[in-house]
């Protein structure tokens, strides 16, 4: 860490999560210059966008040195799984730069479903029963499926951009899909190995933890809505909306999460010598009154970031600085007690084929909500769509009903061709 108090900060990524990080970091008196690579139309207004790929480590190095960057905040999982933190530590010109995100060995918690399951079992953290298979023992996979009750859960071991999990009710269909993943490489290399696990019936939520490798702080819980259709129907997406806090997460349930999941996770990282500085995103399911872990991610979720970070009153750069200096225990997290809700606006056709380049109008009319740009960019001085998930509209309220109403009122002021959003976020609470 350099001695200056003011920091030049680079955020890697281009989604709603990264715009939210930029919005929060830009508020810090400790932030001198802020850069986002590659960024989007939202980050343009508060930071300098730099058009490079998040996995092009040499290009990132050039940017870091040219702009005297003191801290790199990694948004998405790919650079972490590919070892960006290690790349910095192993380079004499870069090793003084703080990187917020785990080293490669620890990023395997998201990079490999099997690695994550073995970690959970080793540290006695509650999760679904499982076995993993590859092309050479696909017949054993069929046999294991026969021992389970439907529905059957098949997970591609590697990163498949959130698409590699199948939940099937029919045994023969599950066997056919297992063959398609392992033998026909349905998800390419990501499904060279497949984890089959028992289906857990309950309600899902996300728990976000910050750690410096020794200490931890738990951020507010959130619940996101993954499916494209109303009532949680249709295809899976990257997330159509989110609420925070989660109304059903009572104090006693949160205590169980901390005791049974968070503490053994952070202790497990130390025991297994997995160096970790950053966010641990724990996907949980509440089965009866007990939390079980579905998966780990090694970064913040999207769109959960858009509801969780706005509720954080503490300076985010202060927190990141404490993480890099291993003194997170000194930080006191101050939270906004109000509820926050986020609704995602998406391109027509998403999560399948969709058109880009649609002009977005009405942004200047938004009041009393935060707009986080995701798949949006600037073309000929106009904001246009550039991705499937285009924008997140976040609002506060004394109840989540009040907050959600505000988000929908503001969405009515926005328009782009074939704009779609779910009108039932929070419906199940």
Protein backbone atom coordinates (compact mmCIF):
# COMPACT_ATOMS: atom_id res chain seq x y z
CA UNK A 1 0.00 0.00 0.00
CA UNK A 2 1.38 3.39 -0.95
CA UNK A 3 1.48 6.00 1.78
CA UNK A 4 -0.90 8.48 0.14
CA UNK A 5 -4.42 8.64 1.58
CA UNK A 6 -5.96 9.45 -1.78
CA UNK A 7 -6.27 6.53 -4.13
CA UNK A 8 -6.57 5.99 -7.84
CA UNK A 9 -8.97 3.08 -8.25
CA UNK A 10 -9.69 0.79 -11.20
CA UNK A 11 -12.90 -1.27 -11.33
CA UNK A 12 -12.98 -4.23 -13.74
CA UNK A 13 -16.29 -5.05 -15.42
CA UNK A 14 -19.14 -3.51 -17.39
CA UNK A 15 -22.41 -4.47 -15.72
CA UNK A 16 -24.89 -3.08 -13.23
CA UNK A 17 -22.71 -4.41 -10.42
CA UNK A 18 -19.74 -2.35 -11.62
CA UNK A 19 -21.80 0.82 -12.10
CA UNK A 20 -23.01 0.38 -8.51
CA UNK A 21 -19.43 -0.05 -7.27
CA UNK A 22 -18.40 3.08 -9.20
CA UNK A 23 -21.34 5.07 -7.83
CA UNK A 24 -20.44 4.06 -4.26
CA UNK A 25 -16.65 4.48 -4.61
CA UNK A 26 -17.05 7.90 -6.27
CA UNK A 27 -18.71 9.14 -3.04
CA UNK A 28 -15.58 8.41 -1.01
CA UNK A 29 -13.24 11.29 -0.11
CA UNK A 30 -10.41 8.72 -0.34
CA UNK A 31 -10.99 8.20 -4.06
CA UNK A 32 -8.92 10.53 -6.19
CA UNK A 33 -9.30 9.25 -9.78
CA UNK A 34 -11.71 6.48 -10.75
CA UNK A 35 -11.44 4.26 -13.82
CA UNK A 36 -13.69 1.45 -15.07
CA UNK A 37 -12.62 -1.13 -17.64
CA UNK A 38 -14.51 -1.50 -19.91
CA UNK A 39 -17.42 0.23 -18.10
CA UNK A 40 -20.74 1.33 -19.62
CA UNK A 41 -22.87 4.43 -20.22
CA UNK A 42 -23.53 4.78 -16.49
CA UNK A 43 -19.89 4.67 -15.38
CA UNK A 44 -19.01 7.27 -18.05
CA UNK A 45 -20.69 9.95 -15.92
CA UNK A 46 -18.67 9.30 -12.76
CA UNK A 47 -15.43 7.67 -13.94
CA UNK A 48 -13.16 7.29 -16.93
CA UNK A 49 -13.98 4.23 -19.03
CA UNK A 50 -11.07 2.30 -20.57
CA UNK A 51 -11.89 -0.11 -23.35
CA UNK A 52 -9.99 -3.28 -22.46
CA UNK A 53 -11.04 -6.85 -21.69
CA UNK A 54 -11.27 -7.88 -18.03
CA UNK A 55 -9.12 -10.96 -18.74
CA UNK A 56 -6.37 -9.15 -20.68
CA UNK A 57 -3.94 -8.96 -17.76
CA UNK A 58 -1.12 -7.32 -19.75
CA UNK A 59 -3.43 -4.52 -20.92
CA UNK A 60 -4.65 -4.08 -17.34
CA UNK A 61 -1.03 -3.85 -16.16
CA UNK A 62 -0.36 -1.08 -18.71
CA UNK A 63 -3.41 0.88 -17.50
CA UNK A 64 -2.49 0.41 -13.83
CA UNK A 65 1.05 1.70 -14.34
CA UNK A 66 0.06 4.56 -16.67
CA UNK A 67 -2.57 5.88 -14.25
CA UNK A 68 -0.72 5.16 -10.99
CA UNK A 69 -3.57 2.91 -9.80
CA UNK A 70 -3.42 1.96 -6.10
CA UNK A 71 -6.36 -0.44 -5.99
CA UNK A 72 -8.12 -2.78 -8.40
CA UNK A 73 -11.68 -3.87 -7.60
CA UNK A 74 -12.60 -7.00 -9.58
CA UNK A 75 -16.30 -7.19 -10.50
CA UNK A 76 -16.81 -10.43 -12.47
CA UNK A 77 -15.60 -13.96 -11.76
CA UNK A 78 -13.57 -14.73 -14.92
CA UNK A 79 -10.45 -12.66 -14.10
CA UNK A 80 -10.45 -14.05 -10.52
CA UNK A 81 -10.73 -17.67 -11.65
CA UNK A 82 -7.96 -16.96 -14.21
CA UNK A 83 -5.72 -15.62 -11.43
CA UNK A 84 -5.57 -11.84 -11.74
CA UNK A 85 -4.74 -11.42 -8.05
CA UNK A 86 -1.76 -13.81 -8.38
CA UNK A 87 -0.68 -11.97 -11.55
CA UNK A 88 -0.37 -8.75 -9.50
CA UNK A 89 1.40 -10.42 -6.57
CA UNK A 90 3.97 -12.05 -8.87
CA UNK A 91 4.86 -8.83 -10.71
CA UNK A 92 7.41 -6.55 -9.03
CA UNK A 93 5.81 -3.45 -10.59
CA UNK A 94 2.31 -4.41 -9.46
CA UNK A 95 2.64 -6.18 -6.13
CA UNK A 96 2.09 -2.97 -4.10
CA UNK A 97 -1.35 -2.53 -5.75
CA UNK A 98 -4.29 -3.78 -3.64
CA UNK A 99 -6.55 -6.25 -5.43
CA UNK A 100 -10.05 -6.78 -4.06
CA UNK A 101 -10.86 -10.37 -4.96
CA UNK A 102 -9.48 -13.79 -3.95
CA UNK A 103 -6.37 -15.45 -5.35
CA UNK A 104 -6.75 -18.18 -7.95
CA UNK A 105 -6.67 -21.12 -5.52
CA UNK A 106 -9.61 -19.67 -3.55
CA UNK A 107 -11.50 -18.56 -6.68
CA UNK A 108 -11.93 -22.28 -7.46
CA UNK A 109 -14.88 -22.08 -5.03
CA UNK A 110 -16.73 -20.59 -8.00
CA UNK A 111 -14.53 -21.98 -10.77
CA UNK A 112 -15.34 -25.60 -9.89
CA UNK A 113 -18.61 -26.93 -8.45
CA UNK A 114 -16.81 -30.11 -7.34
CA UNK A 115 -14.10 -28.12 -5.51
CA UNK A 116 -16.85 -26.18 -3.72
CA UNK A 117 -18.72 -29.33 -2.70
CA UNK A 118 -15.53 -30.93 -1.38
CA UNK A 119 -14.81 -27.74 0.61
CA UNK A 120 -18.35 -27.77 2.08
CA UNK A 121 -18.10 -31.45 3.09
CA UNK A 122 -14.59 -31.06 4.50
CA UNK A 123 -15.66 -28.22 6.80
CA UNK A 124 -19.03 -29.73 7.77
CA UNK A 125 -21.03 -26.91 6.20
CA UNK A 126 -24.64 -27.96 5.46
CA UNK A 127 -25.28 -28.65 1.75
CA UNK A 128 -27.05 -31.14 -0.52
CA UNK A 129 -25.72 -34.70 -0.94
CA UNK A 130 -23.80 -35.02 -4.21
CA UNK A 131 -21.44 -37.02 -6.42
CA UNK A 132 -19.45 -35.92 -9.46
CA UNK A 133 -18.92 -37.75 -12.75
CA UNK A 134 -17.00 -37.46 -16.01
CA UNK A 135 -17.33 -39.11 -19.44
CA UNK A 136 -15.54 -42.28 -18.26
CA UNK A 137 -18.04 -43.13 -15.52
CA UNK A 138 -21.28 -41.84 -17.01
CA UNK A 139 -22.96 -45.24 -16.28
CA UNK A 140 -22.27 -44.73 -12.55
CA UNK A 141 -23.94 -41.35 -12.93
CA UNK A 142 -27.08 -43.07 -14.21
CA UNK A 143 -26.99 -45.40 -11.19
CA UNK A 144 -26.59 -42.47 -8.77
CA UNK A 145 -29.54 -40.67 -10.39
CA UNK A 146 -31.66 -43.79 -9.71
CA UNK A 147 -30.93 -43.46 -5.96
CA UNK A 148 -32.31 -39.89 -5.84
CA UNK A 149 -35.88 -38.65 -5.70
CA UNK A 150 -36.92 -36.19 -8.45
CA UNK A 151 -36.33 -33.41 -9.35
CA UNK A 152 -32.73 -34.12 -10.38
CA UNK A 153 -30.07 -31.39 -10.24
CA UNK A 154 -27.20 -31.49 -12.77
CA UNK A 155 -24.44 -28.87 -12.58
CA UNK A 156 -21.65 -28.34 -15.07
CA UNK A 157 -18.47 -28.26 -12.96
CA UNK A 158 -16.87 -25.24 -14.66
CA UNK A 159 -17.97 -21.69 -15.45
CA UNK A 160 -20.90 -21.73 -17.88
CA UNK A 161 -21.98 -18.08 -17.47
CA UNK A 162 -24.79 -19.01 -15.08
CA UNK A 163 -26.36 -21.40 -17.60
CA UNK A 164 -24.80 -24.71 -16.51
CA UNK A 165 -27.40 -25.88 -13.97
CA UNK A 166 -30.32 -28.11 -15.03
CA UNK A 167 -33.25 -29.14 -12.82
CA UNK A 168 -35.24 -32.01 -14.33
CA UNK A 169 -38.27 -33.96 -13.13
CA UNK A 170 -37.95 -37.00 -15.36
CA UNK A 171 -35.30 -39.67 -14.68
CA UNK A 172 -34.79 -40.60 -18.33
CA UNK A 173 -34.48 -36.95 -19.32
CA UNK A 174 -31.92 -36.47 -16.53
CA UNK A 175 -29.90 -39.41 -17.86
CA UNK A 176 -30.06 -38.04 -21.41
CA UNK A 177 -28.94 -34.58 -20.26
CA UNK A 178 -26.09 -36.09 -18.23
CA UNK A 179 -24.88 -37.85 -21.40
CA UNK A 180 -25.33 -34.64 -23.42
CA UNK A 181 -23.21 -32.69 -20.90
CA UNK A 182 -20.44 -35.27 -20.40
CA UNK A 183 -20.22 -37.06 -23.75
CA UNK A 184 -21.52 -34.44 -26.21
CA UNK A 185 -19.93 -31.47 -24.35
CA UNK A 186 -23.20 -29.51 -24.16
CA UNK A 187 -21.44 -26.74 -22.22
CA UNK A 188 -18.00 -27.33 -23.75
CA UNK A 189 -15.15 -27.80 -21.27
CA UNK A 190 -17.35 -26.50 -18.44
CA UNK A 191 -19.28 -29.79 -18.46
CA UNK A 192 -16.33 -32.20 -18.83
CA UNK A 193 -17.23 -32.97 -15.23
CA UNK A 194 -20.78 -32.83 -13.86
CA UNK A 195 -21.96 -32.66 -10.24
CA UNK A 196 -25.27 -34.41 -9.53
CA UNK A 197 -26.90 -33.45 -6.27
CA UNK A 198 -30.09 -33.98 -4.31
CA UNK A 199 -32.76 -31.36 -4.83
CA UNK A 200 -33.38 -29.11 -1.82
CA UNK A 201 -36.91 -27.79 -1.46
CA UNK A 202 -37.14 -24.37 0.13
CA UNK A 203 -36.78 -20.66 -0.50
CA UNK A 204 -33.51 -19.18 -1.73
CA UNK A 205 -31.58 -16.17 -0.50
CA UNK A 206 -28.08 -14.74 -0.85
CA UNK A 207 -25.68 -13.94 1.94
CA UNK A 208 -22.74 -11.60 1.21
CA UNK A 209 -19.61 -11.63 3.31
CA UNK A 210 -16.54 -9.41 3.17
CA UNK A 211 -13.30 -10.94 4.34
CA UNK A 212 -9.63 -9.95 4.58
CA UNK A 213 -8.72 -13.62 4.96
CA UNK A 214 -8.83 -13.51 8.78
CA UNK A 215 -11.81 -11.38 9.80
CA UNK A 216 -15.22 -11.05 8.20
CA UNK A 217 -18.21 -8.72 8.04
CA UNK A 218 -21.65 -9.81 6.89
CA UNK A 219 -23.43 -7.48 4.46
CA UNK A 220 -27.25 -7.30 4.22
CA UNK A 221 -29.02 -10.36 2.81
CA UNK A 222 -30.80 -10.19 -0.53
CA UNK A 223 -33.09 -12.34 -2.61
CA UNK A 224 -32.97 -12.26 -6.39
CA UNK A 225 -35.43 -13.41 -9.02
CA UNK A 226 -33.77 -15.54 -11.68
CA UNK A 227 -36.49 -16.53 -14.12
CA UNK A 228 -37.64 -14.42 -17.05
CA UNK A 229 -41.38 -14.90 -16.49
CA UNK A 230 -43.87 -13.68 -13.89
CA UNK A 231 -44.33 -16.05 -10.96
CA UNK A 232 -40.78 -17.37 -11.43
CA UNK A 233 -41.52 -19.20 -14.67
CA UNK A 234 -39.63 -19.62 -17.93
CA UNK A 235 -35.92 -19.57 -18.66
CA UNK A 236 -33.19 -18.73 -16.16
CA UNK A 237 -31.54 -15.32 -16.54
CA UNK A 238 -28.70 -13.46 -14.86
CA UNK A 239 -31.35 -11.99 -12.52
CA UNK A 240 -34.54 -9.95 -13.10
CA UNK A 241 -34.70 -8.12 -9.79
CA UNK A 242 -33.83 -8.29 -6.10
CA UNK A 243 -34.97 -7.21 -2.64
CA UNK A 244 -33.02 -6.47 0.54
CA UNK A 245 -33.34 -7.23 3.42
CA UNK A 246 -35.03 -10.61 3.03
CA UNK A 247 -38.27 -10.46 5.06
CA UNK A 248 -38.19 -14.16 6.07
CA UNK A 249 -34.58 -14.02 7.32
CA UNK A 250 -35.31 -13.60 11.04
CA UNK A 251 -32.62 -12.84 13.59
CA UNK A 252 -32.45 -16.46 14.74
CA UNK A 253 -32.15 -17.66 11.14
CA UNK A 254 -29.37 -15.11 10.48
CA UNK A 255 -27.57 -16.41 13.59
CA UNK A 256 -27.74 -19.94 12.14
CA UNK A 257 -26.25 -18.68 8.86
CA UNK A 258 -23.37 -17.04 10.72
CA UNK A 259 -22.64 -20.00 13.03
CA UNK A 260 -23.14 -22.88 10.61
CA UNK A 261 -22.07 -21.32 7.30
CA UNK A 262 -20.13 -18.06 7.50
CA UNK A 263 -17.75 -18.88 10.38
CA UNK A 264 -16.79 -22.37 9.09
CA UNK A 265 -16.34 -20.92 5.57
CA UNK A 266 -13.87 -18.23 6.69
CA UNK A 267 -12.09 -20.68 9.03
CA UNK A 268 -12.03 -23.25 6.22
CA UNK A 269 -10.31 -20.77 3.88
CA UNK A 270 -7.57 -20.32 6.49
CA UNK A 271 -7.22 -24.04 7.25
CA UNK A 272 -6.99 -24.89 3.55
CA UNK A 273 -4.56 -22.01 2.93
CA UNK A 274 -6.83 -20.35 0.36
CA UNK A 275 -5.83 -16.64 0.34
CA UNK A 276 -8.96 -14.54 0.21
CA UNK A 277 -9.49 -10.77 0.19
CA UNK A 278 -12.85 -9.72 -1.10
CA UNK A 279 -16.48 -10.78 -1.32
CA UNK A 280 -17.82 -14.25 -0.59
CA UNK A 281 -21.29 -14.62 -2.06
CA UNK A 282 -23.06 -17.58 -0.48
CA UNK A 283 -26.14 -18.88 -2.30
CA UNK A 284 -28.37 -20.37 0.39
CA UNK A 285 -31.66 -22.21 0.61
CA UNK A 286 -33.87 -22.19 3.69
CA UNK A 287 -35.08 -25.77 4.15
CA UNK A 288 -37.57 -25.80 7.02
CA UNK A 289 -35.76 -23.55 9.48
CA UNK A 290 -32.23 -24.43 8.44
CA UNK A 291 -29.83 -22.83 5.95
CA UNK A 292 -28.03 -25.02 3.43
CA UNK A 293 -25.44 -23.86 0.90
CA UNK A 294 -26.30 -24.21 -2.79
CA UNK A 295 -23.16 -22.57 -4.14
CA UNK A 296 -20.32 -20.13 -3.56
CA UNK A 297 -19.48 -17.20 -5.80
CA UNK A 298 -16.25 -15.29 -5.30
CA UNK A 299 -17.61 -11.84 -6.14
CA UNK A 300 -20.75 -9.80 -5.57
CA UNK A 301 -23.98 -10.88 -7.25
CA UNK A 302 -25.81 -8.96 -9.95
CA UNK A 303 -28.53 -7.60 -9.44
CA UNK A 304 -28.02 -8.11 -5.69
CA UNK A 305 -25.19 -5.53 -5.62
CA UNK A 306 -27.72 -2.94 -6.77
CA UNK A 307 -29.84 -3.47 -3.63
CA UNK A 308 -27.14 -4.29 -1.11
CA UNK A 309 -24.54 -1.55 -1.71
CA UNK A 310 -27.03 1.36 -1.63
CA UNK A 311 -27.99 0.21 1.89
CA UNK A 312 -24.36 0.45 3.05
CA UNK A 313 -23.64 3.82 4.68
CA UNK A 314 -19.98 3.10 5.47
CA UNK A 315 -17.35 4.39 3.03
CA UNK A 316 -16.64 1.49 0.64
CA UNK A 317 -13.05 2.58 -0.02
CA UNK A 318 -12.39 2.58 3.76
CA UNK A 319 -13.68 -0.99 3.84
CA UNK A 320 -11.57 -2.09 0.85
CA UNK A 321 -8.49 -0.42 2.36
CA UNK A 322 -9.08 -2.33 5.62
CA UNK A 323 -9.44 -5.58 3.65
CA UNK A 324 -6.12 -5.09 1.87
CA UNK A 325 -4.42 -4.25 5.18
CA UNK A 326 -6.05 -7.20 7.03
CA UNK A 327 -7.77 -5.01 9.60
CA UNK A 328 -11.41 -5.50 8.61
CA UNK A 329 -12.22 -6.10 12.30
CA UNK A 330 -11.68 -2.35 12.89
CA UNK A 331 -14.51 -1.39 10.52
CA UNK A 332 -18.04 -0.82 11.74
CA UNK A 333 -20.64 -1.40 9.02
CA UNK A 334 -23.43 1.17 9.12
CA UNK A 335 -26.58 0.24 7.24
CA UNK A 336 -29.67 2.02 6.00
CA UNK A 337 -32.51 0.23 7.79
CA UNK A 338 -34.96 0.85 4.95
CA UNK A 339 -35.84 -1.79 2.39
CA UNK A 340 -34.34 -1.58 -1.10
CA UNK A 341 -35.72 -3.15 -4.26
CA UNK A 342 -34.29 -3.48 -7.75
CA UNK A 343 -36.13 -4.21 -10.99
CA UNK A 344 -34.16 -5.14 -14.12
CA UNK A 345 -35.12 -3.82 -17.54
CA UNK A 346 -34.12 -6.27 -20.26
CA UNK A 347 -34.01 -6.42 -24.04
CA UNK A 348 -36.95 -8.11 -25.77
CA UNK A 349 -36.08 -11.75 -26.45
CA UNK A 350 -33.56 -12.05 -23.58
CA UNK A 351 -32.25 -14.52 -22.34
CA UNK A 352 -32.33 -15.83 -25.91
CA UNK A 353 -31.55 -13.77 -29.04
CA UNK A 354 -32.20 -10.03 -28.74
CA UNK A 355 -31.40 -6.87 -30.68
CA UNK A 356 -28.96 -4.18 -29.52
CA UNK A 357 -28.58 -0.47 -30.22
CA UNK A 358 -32.09 0.59 -29.11
CA UNK A 359 -32.18 4.19 -27.89
CA UNK A 360 -33.18 4.59 -24.22
CA UNK A 361 -35.35 7.63 -23.45
CA UNK A 362 -36.71 9.18 -20.25
CA UNK A 363 -33.62 8.85 -18.03
CA UNK A 364 -33.79 12.57 -17.17
CA UNK A 365 -37.31 12.08 -15.73
CA UNK A 366 -36.34 9.60 -13.02
CA UNK A 367 -36.79 10.92 -9.48
CA UNK A 368 -36.35 9.24 -6.11
CA UNK A 369 -34.85 6.05 -7.63
CA UNK A 370 -31.31 5.08 -8.54
CA UNK A 371 -30.60 3.96 -12.10
CA UNK A 372 -27.71 1.54 -12.55
CA UNK A 373 -26.72 0.94 -16.17
CA UNK A 374 -25.80 -2.61 -17.18
CA UNK A 375 -26.05 -3.53 -20.89
CA UNK A 376 -26.06 0.09 -22.05
CA UNK A 377 -23.52 2.21 -23.87
CA UNK A 378 -23.16 5.63 -25.49
CA UNK A 379 -23.45 5.93 -29.26
CA UNK A 380 -23.67 9.27 -31.07
CA UNK A 381 -24.18 10.97 -27.70
CA UNK A 382 -27.25 8.84 -26.96
CA UNK A 383 -27.63 6.03 -24.42
CA UNK A 384 -28.45 2.81 -26.29
CA UNK A 385 -28.88 -0.85 -25.33
CA UNK A 386 -25.82 -3.10 -25.67
CA UNK A 387 -26.78 -6.22 -23.70
CA UNK A 388 -29.57 -8.45 -22.47
CA UNK A 389 -29.96 -6.92 -19.04
CA UNK A 390 -30.03 -3.19 -19.75
CA UNK A 391 -30.71 -1.28 -16.52
CA UNK A 392 -31.51 -1.77 -12.85
CA UNK A 393 -33.94 0.60 -11.13
CA UNK A 394 -33.37 0.66 -7.35
CA UNK A 395 -35.61 2.38 -4.81
CA UNK A 396 -35.88 2.68 -1.03
CA UNK A 397 -39.00 2.43 1.12
CA UNK A 398 -40.02 1.83 4.71
CA UNK A 399 -41.41 -1.49 3.46
CA UNK A 400 -40.33 -3.39 0.37
CA UNK A 401 -43.88 -2.88 -1.04
CA UNK A 402 -43.34 0.89 -0.86
CA UNK A 403 -39.89 0.57 -2.44
CA UNK A 404 -41.09 -1.65 -5.26
CA UNK A 405 -43.95 0.71 -6.05
CA UNK A 406 -41.43 3.53 -6.46
CA UNK A 407 -39.29 1.47 -8.83
CA UNK A 408 -42.31 0.65 -11.01
CA UNK A 409 -43.48 4.28 -11.04
CA UNK A 410 -40.09 5.33 -12.38
CA UNK A 411 -39.90 2.48 -14.90
CA UNK A 412 -43.06 3.92 -16.48
CA UNK A 413 -41.00 7.01 -17.41
CA UNK A 414 -38.40 4.95 -19.31
CA UNK A 415 -38.64 3.54 -22.79
CA UNK A 416 -36.70 1.57 -25.37
CA UNK A 417 -37.97 -0.63 -28.19
CA UNK A 418 -39.12 -4.09 -26.92
CA UNK A 419 -38.26 -3.19 -23.29
CA UNK A 420 -39.34 -5.96 -20.88
CA UNK A 421 -39.37 -6.33 -17.11
CA UNK A 422 -41.08 -8.51 -14.53
CA UNK A 423 -43.99 -6.82 -12.83
CA UNK A 424 -44.07 -9.17 -9.83
CA UNK A 425 -40.72 -8.70 -8.06
CA UNK A 426 -41.28 -9.46 -4.35
CA UNK A 427 -44.52 -11.33 -5.16
CA UNK A 428 -43.58 -14.39 -3.07
CA UNK A 429 -42.73 -12.53 0.14
